[in-house]
Amino acid sequence: MKTLLVLLVCGVAVSCSGPGGPAQRAGAAVDGAIYKVGEGISKVGNKIEGAAAGE
């Protein structure tokens, strides 16, 4: 019985290591898009600060 339980737990652990389902992939895509938007906002902020400082 213990062997069956160990095999079941290992099987579940192995199956969870894939790329994920559609919702997980969509969430990863949203995370990447938000990160890129944040980088763009940071660049614009740096340009505004530079313009305000007279560079």
N, C-alpha and C. Protein backbone atom coordinates (compact mmCIF):
# COMPACT_ATOMS: atom_id res chain seq x y z
N MET A 1 0.82 -1.19 0.00
CA MET A 1 0.00 0.00 0.00
C MET A 1 0.87 1.26 0.00
N LYS A 2 1.95 1.22 0.80
CA LYS A 2 2.83 2.39 0.85
C LYS A 2 3.50 2.61 -0.50
N THR A 3 3.86 1.52 -1.17
CA THR A 3 4.51 1.63 -2.47
C THR A 3 3.57 2.28 -3.48
N LEU A 4 2.31 1.90 -3.44
CA LEU A 4 1.33 2.49 -4.34
C LEU A 4 1.17 3.98 -4.07
N LEU A 5 1.15 4.35 -2.82
CA LEU A 5 1.03 5.76 -2.45
C LEU A 5 2.24 6.55 -2.92
N VAL A 6 3.43 6.02 -2.74
CA VAL A 6 4.65 6.69 -3.18
C VAL A 6 4.65 6.86 -4.69
N LEU A 7 4.26 5.82 -5.43
CA LEU A 7 4.20 5.91 -6.88
C LEU A 7 3.17 6.94 -7.33
N LEU A 8 2.05 7.01 -6.66
CA LEU A 8 1.02 7.99 -6.98
C LEU A 8 1.51 9.41 -6.75
N VAL A 9 2.18 9.63 -5.62
CA VAL A 9 2.72 10.96 -5.32
C VAL A 9 3.79 11.35 -6.34
N CYS A 10 4.65 10.42 -6.71
CA CYS A 10 5.68 10.71 -7.71
C CYS A 10 5.06 11.00 -9.07
N GLY A 11 4.03 10.28 -9.42
CA GLY A 11 3.35 10.51 -10.69
C GLY A 11 2.71 11.89 -10.75
N VAL A 12 2.10 12.31 -9.65
CA VAL A 12 1.50 13.65 -9.59
C VAL A 12 2.58 14.71 -9.67
N ALA A 13 3.68 14.51 -8.98
CA ALA A 13 4.77 15.49 -9.00
C ALA A 13 5.36 15.63 -10.39
N VAL A 14 5.52 14.54 -11.10
CA VAL A 14 6.07 14.58 -12.45
C VAL A 14 5.11 15.26 -13.40
N SER A 15 3.82 15.01 -13.25
CA SER A 15 2.85 15.59 -14.16
C SER A 15 2.70 17.09 -13.94
N CYS A 16 3.07 17.60 -12.80
CA CYS A 16 2.95 19.03 -12.51
C CYS A 16 4.14 19.83 -13.02
N SER A 17 5.16 19.17 -13.54
CA SER A 17 6.36 19.90 -13.94
C SER A 17 6.32 20.35 -15.39
N GLY A 18 5.20 20.18 -16.09
CA GLY A 18 5.09 20.55 -17.49
C GLY A 18 4.91 22.05 -17.66
N PRO A 19 4.62 22.47 -18.89
CA PRO A 19 4.46 23.90 -19.17
C PRO A 19 3.19 24.48 -18.58
N GLY A 20 2.30 23.68 -18.09
CA GLY A 20 1.09 24.16 -17.47
C GLY A 20 -0.07 24.16 -18.44
N GLY A 21 -1.22 24.42 -17.91
CA GLY A 21 -2.42 24.45 -18.72
C GLY A 21 -2.60 25.79 -19.41
N PRO A 22 -3.70 25.94 -20.11
CA PRO A 22 -3.94 27.17 -20.85
C PRO A 22 -4.03 28.41 -19.95
N ALA A 23 -4.63 28.26 -18.79
CA ALA A 23 -4.75 29.41 -17.89
C ALA A 23 -3.38 29.83 -17.36
N GLN A 24 -2.53 28.85 -17.05
CA GLN A 24 -1.20 29.17 -16.54
C GLN A 24 -0.36 29.83 -17.62
N ARG A 25 -0.46 29.36 -18.86
CA ARG A 25 0.28 29.98 -19.96
C ARG A 25 -0.23 31.39 -20.24
N ALA A 26 -1.55 31.58 -20.16
CA ALA A 26 -2.12 32.91 -20.35
C ALA A 26 -1.64 33.86 -19.25
N GLY A 27 -1.59 33.37 -18.02
CA GLY A 27 -1.11 34.18 -16.91
C GLY A 27 0.35 34.57 -17.10
N ALA A 28 1.15 33.65 -17.59
CA ALA A 28 2.57 33.94 -17.84
C ALA A 28 2.69 35.00 -18.94
N ALA A 29 1.84 34.92 -19.96
CA ALA A 29 1.87 35.91 -21.04
C ALA A 29 1.48 37.29 -20.52
N VAL A 30 0.48 37.33 -19.64
CA VAL A 30 0.06 38.61 -19.05
C VAL A 30 1.18 39.17 -18.19
N ASP A 31 1.83 38.33 -17.41
CA ASP A 31 2.96 38.78 -16.58
C ASP A 31 4.06 39.38 -17.44
N GLY A 32 4.38 38.72 -18.55
CA GLY A 32 5.41 39.24 -19.45
C GLY A 32 5.02 40.57 -20.06
N ALA A 33 3.75 40.70 -20.45
CA ALA A 33 3.28 41.95 -21.03
C ALA A 33 3.34 43.08 -20.01
N ILE A 34 2.94 42.80 -18.79
CA ILE A 34 2.96 43.83 -17.74
C ILE A 34 4.40 44.25 -17.45
N TYR A 35 5.32 43.31 -17.48
CA TYR A 35 6.73 43.62 -17.25
C TYR A 35 7.24 44.56 -18.35
N LYS A 36 6.89 44.26 -19.60
CA LYS A 36 7.33 45.11 -20.71
C LYS A 36 6.73 46.50 -20.62
N VAL A 37 5.48 46.60 -20.21
CA VAL A 37 4.84 47.91 -20.04
C VAL A 37 5.56 48.68 -18.93
N GLY A 38 5.91 47.99 -17.86
CA GLY A 38 6.63 48.64 -16.76
C GLY A 38 7.98 49.17 -17.21
N GLU A 39 8.68 48.40 -18.06
CA GLU A 39 9.96 48.89 -18.59
C GLU A 39 9.76 50.13 -19.44
N GLY A 40 8.70 50.15 -20.25
CA GLY A 40 8.41 51.31 -21.09
C GLY A 40 8.10 52.54 -20.25
N ILE A 41 7.32 52.35 -19.21
CA ILE A 41 6.98 53.47 -18.32
C ILE A 41 8.24 53.99 -17.64
N SER A 42 9.12 53.11 -17.26
CA SER A 42 10.38 53.52 -16.63
C SER A 42 11.23 54.35 -17.59
N LYS A 43 11.31 53.92 -18.84
CA LYS A 43 12.09 54.66 -19.83
C LYS A 43 11.51 56.05 -20.05
N VAL A 44 10.18 56.12 -20.16
CA VAL A 44 9.53 57.43 -20.36
C VAL A 44 9.78 58.31 -19.15
N GLY A 45 9.70 57.75 -17.95
CA GLY A 45 9.96 58.52 -16.74
C GLY A 45 11.38 59.06 -16.70
N ASN A 46 12.33 58.26 -17.15
CA ASN A 46 13.72 58.72 -17.19
C ASN A 46 13.89 59.85 -18.19
N LYS A 47 13.21 59.77 -19.33
CA LYS A 47 13.29 60.84 -20.33
C LYS A 47 12.66 62.13 -19.82
N ILE A 48 11.56 62.00 -19.10
CA ILE A 48 10.92 63.19 -18.53
C ILE A 48 11.82 63.82 -17.49
N GLU A 49 12.44 63.01 -16.63
CA GLU A 49 13.35 63.55 -15.63
C GLU A 49 14.55 64.23 -16.30
N GLY A 50 15.05 63.62 -17.37
CA GLY A 50 16.16 64.23 -18.09
C GLY A 50 15.79 65.55 -18.72
N ALA A 51 14.59 65.62 -19.29
CA ALA A 51 14.13 66.86 -19.89
C ALA A 51 13.91 67.94 -18.83
N ALA A 52 13.42 67.56 -17.68
CA ALA A 52 13.19 68.51 -16.59
C ALA A 52 14.51 69.05 -16.03
N ALA A 53 15.56 68.21 -16.09
CA ALA A 53 16.85 68.62 -15.56
C ALA A 53 17.64 69.42 -16.60
N GLY A 54 17.14 69.48 -17.83
CA GLY A 54 17.79 70.27 -18.86
C GLY A 54 18.89 69.54 -19.59
N GLU A 55 18.84 68.23 -19.62
CA GLU A 55 19.89 67.44 -20.30
C GLU A 55 19.70 67.47 -21.80
